[in-house]
Amino acid sequence: MGTLEHKVAWLVALEDIRRVIALYAKAGDDKNNPIAMAALLAEDARWACEGFGEFSGRENIARELAQVGRDRIVWSLHFPVAPIIDFAEDLNTAHAFWWLWELATMREEDASEAKHWLGATYDCDFIRAADGWKIKQLTLNIKEVVPYASALQRET
């Protein structure tokens, strides 16, 4: 890993990216707040999730995710878990993988709302910008969405 200076810079970058991941979850819990979300994205960022779409560009991603927060996932509590972060040698780019455990209230096609538990993973590329680390490309891979009532019934 090199010099003490490089090790300290690595640790600082690691914590900075963990903070971006936490702020991304917080913005998600605020109905994908477009101002908070845009602040985390590179100008030419890409976002993808099967069933929700693929979006490019900071402002477009922030707008589309806010629409999801208004129309489809009307409440959520994100728990990003154990990010694995790998850096390029120059510490200017990084890739992260983490798990997501989410409680959500989702609007169904009939306009009713139902509570769900969601398990997913993220693959995300980050880039260091003048104003801090930014999400360059993010893919959300939803593994399971379980209606809350169904999960309770399984245990009895």
C-alpha atoms as a PDB file:
ATOM      1  CA  MET A   1       0.000   0.000   0.000  1.00  0.00           C
ATOM      2  CA  GLY A   2       2.980   2.282   0.198  1.00  0.00           C
ATOM      3  CA  THR A   3       3.886   5.238   2.339  1.00  0.00           C
ATOM      4  CA  LEU A   4       2.206   6.426   5.508  1.00  0.00           C
ATOM      5  CA  GLU A   5       0.915   9.418   3.543  1.00  0.00           C
ATOM      6  CA  HIS A   6      -0.727   7.090   0.995  1.00  0.00           C
ATOM      7  CA  LYS A   7      -2.240   4.950   3.758  1.00  0.00           C
ATOM      8  CA  VAL A   8      -3.747   8.003   5.457  1.00  0.00           C
ATOM      9  CA  ALA A   9      -5.108   9.273   2.127  1.00  0.00           C
ATOM     10  CA  TRP A  10      -6.624   5.793   1.537  1.00  0.00           C
ATOM     11  CA  LEU A  11      -8.314   5.825   4.953  1.00  0.00           C
ATOM     12  CA  VAL A  12      -9.701   9.327   4.379  1.00  0.00           C
ATOM     13  CA  ALA A  13     -11.006   8.334   0.932  1.00  0.00           C
ATOM     14  CA  LEU A  14     -12.544   5.176   2.406  1.00  0.00           C
ATOM     15  CA  GLU A  15     -14.471   7.171   5.012  1.00  0.00           C
ATOM     16  CA  ASP A  16     -15.480   9.795   2.445  1.00  0.00           C
ATOM     17  CA  ILE A  17     -17.026   7.114   0.203  1.00  0.00           C
ATOM     18  CA  ARG A  18     -18.762   5.463   3.156  1.00  0.00           C
ATOM     19  CA  ARG A  19     -20.277   8.882   3.879  1.00  0.00           C
ATOM     20  CA  VAL A  20     -21.502   9.215   0.268  1.00  0.00           C
ATOM     21  CA  ILE A  21     -23.142   5.776   0.572  1.00  0.00           C
ATOM     22  CA  ALA A  22     -24.849   6.835   3.823  1.00  0.00           C
ATOM     23  CA  LEU A  23     -25.986  10.152   2.330  1.00  0.00           C
ATOM     24  CA  TYR A  24     -27.368   8.277  -0.695  1.00  0.00           C
ATOM     25  CA  ALA A  25     -29.426   6.094   1.670  1.00  0.00           C
ATOM     26  CA  LYS A  26     -30.580   9.181   3.591  1.00  0.00           C
ATOM     27  CA  ALA A  27     -31.662  10.898   0.362  1.00  0.00           C
ATOM     28  CA  GLY A  28     -33.534   7.716  -0.570  1.00  0.00           C
ATOM     29  CA  ASP A  29     -35.354   7.813   2.762  1.00  0.00           C
ATOM     30  CA  ASP A  30     -36.364  11.393   1.959  1.00  0.00           C
ATOM     31  CA  LYS A  31     -38.375  10.223  -1.094  1.00  0.00           C
ATOM     32  CA  ASN A  32     -35.230  10.384  -3.233  1.00  0.00           C
ATOM     33  CA  ASN A  33     -34.758  14.070  -2.454  1.00  0.00           C
ATOM     34  CA  PRO A  34     -33.553  15.454  -5.805  1.00  0.00           C
ATOM     35  CA  ILE A  35     -31.331  18.168  -4.310  1.00  0.00           C
ATOM     36  CA  ALA A  36     -29.595  15.779  -1.926  1.00  0.00           C
ATOM     37  CA  MET A  37     -29.352  13.094  -4.608  1.00  0.00           C
ATOM     38  CA  ALA A  38     -27.904  15.431  -7.256  1.00  0.00           C
ATOM     39  CA  ALA A  39     -25.170  16.542  -4.845  1.00  0.00           C
ATOM     40  CA  LEU A  40     -23.880  12.943  -4.735  1.00  0.00           C
ATOM     41  CA  LEU A  41     -23.756  12.346  -8.491  1.00  0.00           C
ATOM     42  CA  ALA A  42     -21.152  13.103 -11.131  1.00  0.00           C
ATOM     43  CA  GLU A  43     -22.496  15.270 -13.926  1.00  0.00           C
ATOM     44  CA  ASP A  44     -22.358  12.354 -16.397  1.00  0.00           C
ATOM     45  CA  ALA A  45     -23.486   9.689 -13.899  1.00  0.00           C
ATOM     46  CA  ARG A  46     -25.465   6.601 -14.857  1.00  0.00           C
ATOM     47  CA  TRP A  47     -28.056   4.826 -12.666  1.00  0.00           C
ATOM     48  CA  ALA A  48     -29.766   1.498 -13.397  1.00  0.00           C
ATOM     49  CA  CYS A  49     -32.176  -0.887 -11.741  1.00  0.00           C
ATOM     50  CA  GLU A  50     -34.254  -3.531 -13.493  1.00  0.00           C
ATOM     51  CA  GLY A  51     -37.923  -2.664 -13.081  1.00  0.00           C
ATOM     52  CA  PHE A  52     -37.207   1.018 -12.439  1.00  0.00           C
ATOM     53  CA  GLY A  53     -35.138   2.054 -15.452  1.00  0.00           C
ATOM     54  CA  GLU A  54     -31.784   3.330 -16.599  1.00  0.00           C
ATOM     55  CA  PHE A  55     -31.027   7.015 -16.357  1.00  0.00           C
ATOM     56  CA  SER A  56     -28.062   9.157 -17.387  1.00  0.00           C
ATOM     57  CA  GLY A  57     -26.950  12.585 -16.227  1.00  0.00           C
ATOM     58  CA  ARG A  58     -27.048  14.109 -12.754  1.00  0.00           C
ATOM     59  CA  GLU A  59     -30.200  16.186 -13.154  1.00  0.00           C
ATOM     60  CA  ASN A  60     -32.100  13.499 -15.053  1.00  0.00           C
ATOM     61  CA  ILE A  61     -31.261  10.822 -12.464  1.00  0.00           C
ATOM     62  CA  ALA A  62     -32.267  13.106  -9.581  1.00  0.00           C
ATOM     63  CA  ARG A  63     -35.563  13.971 -11.307  1.00  0.00           C
ATOM     64  CA  GLU A  64     -36.415  10.356 -12.207  1.00  0.00           C
ATOM     65  CA  LEU A  65     -35.586   9.008  -8.746  1.00  0.00           C
ATOM     66  CA  ALA A  66     -37.689  11.742  -7.137  1.00  0.00           C
ATOM     67  CA  GLN A  67     -40.548  10.586  -9.381  1.00  0.00           C
ATOM     68  CA  VAL A  68     -40.073   7.040  -8.067  1.00  0.00           C
ATOM     69  CA  GLY A  69     -40.245   8.481  -4.544  1.00  0.00           C
ATOM     70  CA  ARG A  70     -43.519  10.238  -5.289  1.00  0.00           C
ATOM     71  CA  ASP A  71     -45.230   7.509  -7.279  1.00  0.00           C
ATOM     72  CA  ARG A  72     -43.868   4.071  -6.412  1.00  0.00           C
ATOM     73  CA  ILE A  73     -41.869   3.876  -3.203  1.00  0.00           C
ATOM     74  CA  VAL A  74     -43.725   6.306  -0.969  1.00  0.00           C
ATOM     75  CA  TRP A  75     -41.784   5.540   2.240  1.00  0.00           C
ATOM     76  CA  SER A  76     -38.515   3.778   2.870  1.00  0.00           C
ATOM     77  CA  LEU A  77     -35.837   3.102   5.429  1.00  0.00           C
ATOM     78  CA  HIS A  78     -32.533   2.073   3.826  1.00  0.00           C
ATOM     79  CA  PHE A  79     -29.859   0.087   5.630  1.00  0.00           C
ATOM     80  CA  PRO A  80     -26.695  -0.040   3.485  1.00  0.00           C
ATOM     81  CA  VAL A  81     -24.553  -2.863   4.824  1.00  0.00           C
ATOM     82  CA  ALA A  82     -20.801  -3.542   4.852  1.00  0.00           C
ATOM     83  CA  PRO A  83     -19.495  -1.728   1.766  1.00  0.00           C
ATOM     84  CA  ILE A  84     -16.487  -3.348   0.118  1.00  0.00           C
ATOM     85  CA  ILE A  85     -14.511  -0.502  -1.443  1.00  0.00           C
ATOM     86  CA  ASP A  86     -11.593  -0.980  -3.827  1.00  0.00           C
ATOM     87  CA  PHE A  87      -9.511   1.972  -5.017  1.00  0.00           C
ATOM     88  CA  ALA A  88      -7.371   2.594  -8.048  1.00  0.00           C
ATOM     89  CA  GLU A  89      -3.730   3.074  -7.056  1.00  0.00           C
ATOM     90  CA  ASP A  90      -3.978   6.861  -7.526  1.00  0.00           C
ATOM     91  CA  LEU A  91      -7.036   7.041  -5.198  1.00  0.00           C
ATOM     92  CA  ASN A  92      -9.027   9.016  -7.770  1.00  0.00           C
ATOM     93  CA  THR A  93     -11.529   6.294  -8.644  1.00  0.00           C
ATOM     94  CA  ALA A  94     -13.076   3.459  -6.691  1.00  0.00           C
ATOM     95  CA  HIS A  95     -15.540   0.617  -7.008  1.00  0.00           C
ATOM     96  CA  ALA A  96     -17.860  -0.374  -4.175  1.00  0.00           C
ATOM     97  CA  PHE A  97     -20.204  -3.265  -3.574  1.00  0.00           C
ATOM     98  CA  TRP A  98     -22.672  -3.316  -0.703  1.00  0.00           C
ATOM     99  CA  TRP A  99     -25.830  -5.012   0.431  1.00  0.00           C
ATOM    100  CA  LEU A 100     -29.137  -3.254   1.023  1.00  0.00           C
ATOM    101  CA  TRP A 101     -31.827  -4.138   3.520  1.00  0.00           C
ATOM    102  CA  GLU A 102     -34.824  -1.844   3.044  1.00  0.00           C
ATOM    103  CA  LEU A 103     -38.222  -1.462   4.600  1.00  0.00           C
ATOM    104  CA  ALA A 104     -40.578   0.185   2.132  1.00  0.00           C
ATOM    105  CA  THR A 105     -44.154   1.174   1.535  1.00  0.00           C
ATOM    106  CA  MET A 106     -44.854   0.709  -2.156  1.00  0.00           C
ATOM    107  CA  ARG A 107     -47.778   1.970  -4.170  1.00  0.00           C
ATOM    108  CA  GLU A 108     -49.379  -0.909  -6.028  1.00  0.00           C
ATOM    109  CA  GLU A 109     -50.935  -0.717  -9.516  1.00  0.00           C
ATOM    110  CA  ASP A 110     -54.419  -0.358  -7.957  1.00  0.00           C
ATOM    111  CA  ALA A 111     -53.128   2.726  -6.013  1.00  0.00           C
ATOM    112  CA  SER A 112     -53.198   0.866  -2.680  1.00  0.00           C
ATOM    113  CA  GLU A 113     -50.092   0.932  -0.532  1.00  0.00           C
ATOM    114  CA  ALA A 114     -48.377  -2.164   0.826  1.00  0.00           C
ATOM    115  CA  LYS A 115     -45.423  -2.617   3.169  1.00  0.00           C
ATOM    116  CA  HIS A 116     -42.484  -4.661   1.891  1.00  0.00           C
ATOM    117  CA  TRP A 117     -39.084  -5.888   2.912  1.00  0.00           C
ATOM    118  CA  LEU A 118     -36.486  -5.571   0.192  1.00  0.00           C
ATOM    119  CA  GLY A 119     -33.078  -7.220  -0.174  1.00  0.00           C
ATOM    120  CA  ALA A 120     -30.682  -5.950  -2.826  1.00  0.00           C
ATOM    121  CA  THR A 121     -27.060  -5.292  -3.718  1.00  0.00           C
ATOM    122  CA  TYR A 122     -25.322  -2.279  -5.207  1.00  0.00           C
ATOM    123  CA  ASP A 123     -22.403  -2.073  -7.615  1.00  0.00           C
ATOM    124  CA  CYS A 124     -21.099   1.456  -7.802  1.00  0.00           C
ATOM    125  CA  ASP A 125     -18.193   3.314  -9.373  1.00  0.00           C
ATOM    126  CA  PHE A 126     -17.015   6.519  -7.721  1.00  0.00           C
ATOM    127  CA  ILE A 127     -14.864   9.344  -8.999  1.00  0.00           C
ATOM    128  CA  ARG A 128     -13.039  11.988  -6.994  1.00  0.00           C
ATOM    129  CA  ALA A 129     -14.207  15.464  -8.001  1.00  0.00           C
ATOM    130  CA  ALA A 130     -13.041  18.904  -6.858  1.00  0.00           C
ATOM    131  CA  ASP A 131     -15.899  18.979  -4.328  1.00  0.00           C
ATOM    132  CA  GLY A 132     -15.561  15.392  -3.090  1.00  0.00           C
ATOM    133  CA  TRP A 133     -16.388  11.841  -4.132  1.00  0.00           C
ATOM    134  CA  LYS A 134     -19.258  11.401  -6.596  1.00  0.00           C
ATOM    135  CA  ILE A 135     -21.237   8.443  -7.869  1.00  0.00           C
ATOM    136  CA  LYS A 136     -20.210   7.835 -11.478  1.00  0.00           C
ATOM    137  CA  GLN A 137     -22.200   4.667 -12.195  1.00  0.00           C
ATOM    138  CA  LEU A 138     -24.581   2.809  -9.917  1.00  0.00           C
ATOM    139  CA  THR A 139     -26.478  -0.429 -10.457  1.00  0.00           C
ATOM    140  CA  LEU A 140     -29.079  -1.556  -7.955  1.00  0.00           C
ATOM    141  CA  ASN A 141     -29.728  -5.303  -8.151  1.00  0.00           C
ATOM    142  CA  ILE A 142     -32.965  -6.171  -6.374  1.00  0.00           C
ATOM    143  CA  LYS A 143     -32.812  -9.766  -5.158  1.00  0.00           C
ATOM    144  CA  GLU A 144     -36.113 -10.101  -3.291  1.00  0.00           C
ATOM    145  CA  VAL A 145     -39.175  -7.997  -2.472  1.00  0.00           C
ATOM    146  CA  VAL A 146     -41.384  -9.628   0.139  1.00  0.00           C
ATOM    147  CA  PRO A 147     -44.713  -8.220   1.285  1.00  0.00           C
ATOM    148  CA  TYR A 148     -44.489  -7.606   5.017  1.00  0.00           C
ATOM    149  CA  ALA A 149     -47.678  -9.578   5.776  1.00  0.00           C
ATOM    150  CA  SER A 150     -46.402 -12.551   3.764  1.00  0.00           C
ATOM    151  CA  ALA A 151     -43.158 -12.585   5.702  1.00  0.00           C
ATOM    152  CA  LEU A 152     -45.053 -12.663   8.988  1.00  0.00           C
ATOM    153  CA  GLN A 153     -47.282 -15.476   7.780  1.00  0.00           C
ATOM    154  CA  ARG A 154     -44.254 -17.603   6.859  1.00  0.00           C
ATOM    155  CA  GLU A 155     -43.085 -17.591  10.456  1.00  0.00           C
ATOM    156  CA  THR A 156     -46.338 -18.826  11.969  1.00  0.00           C
END
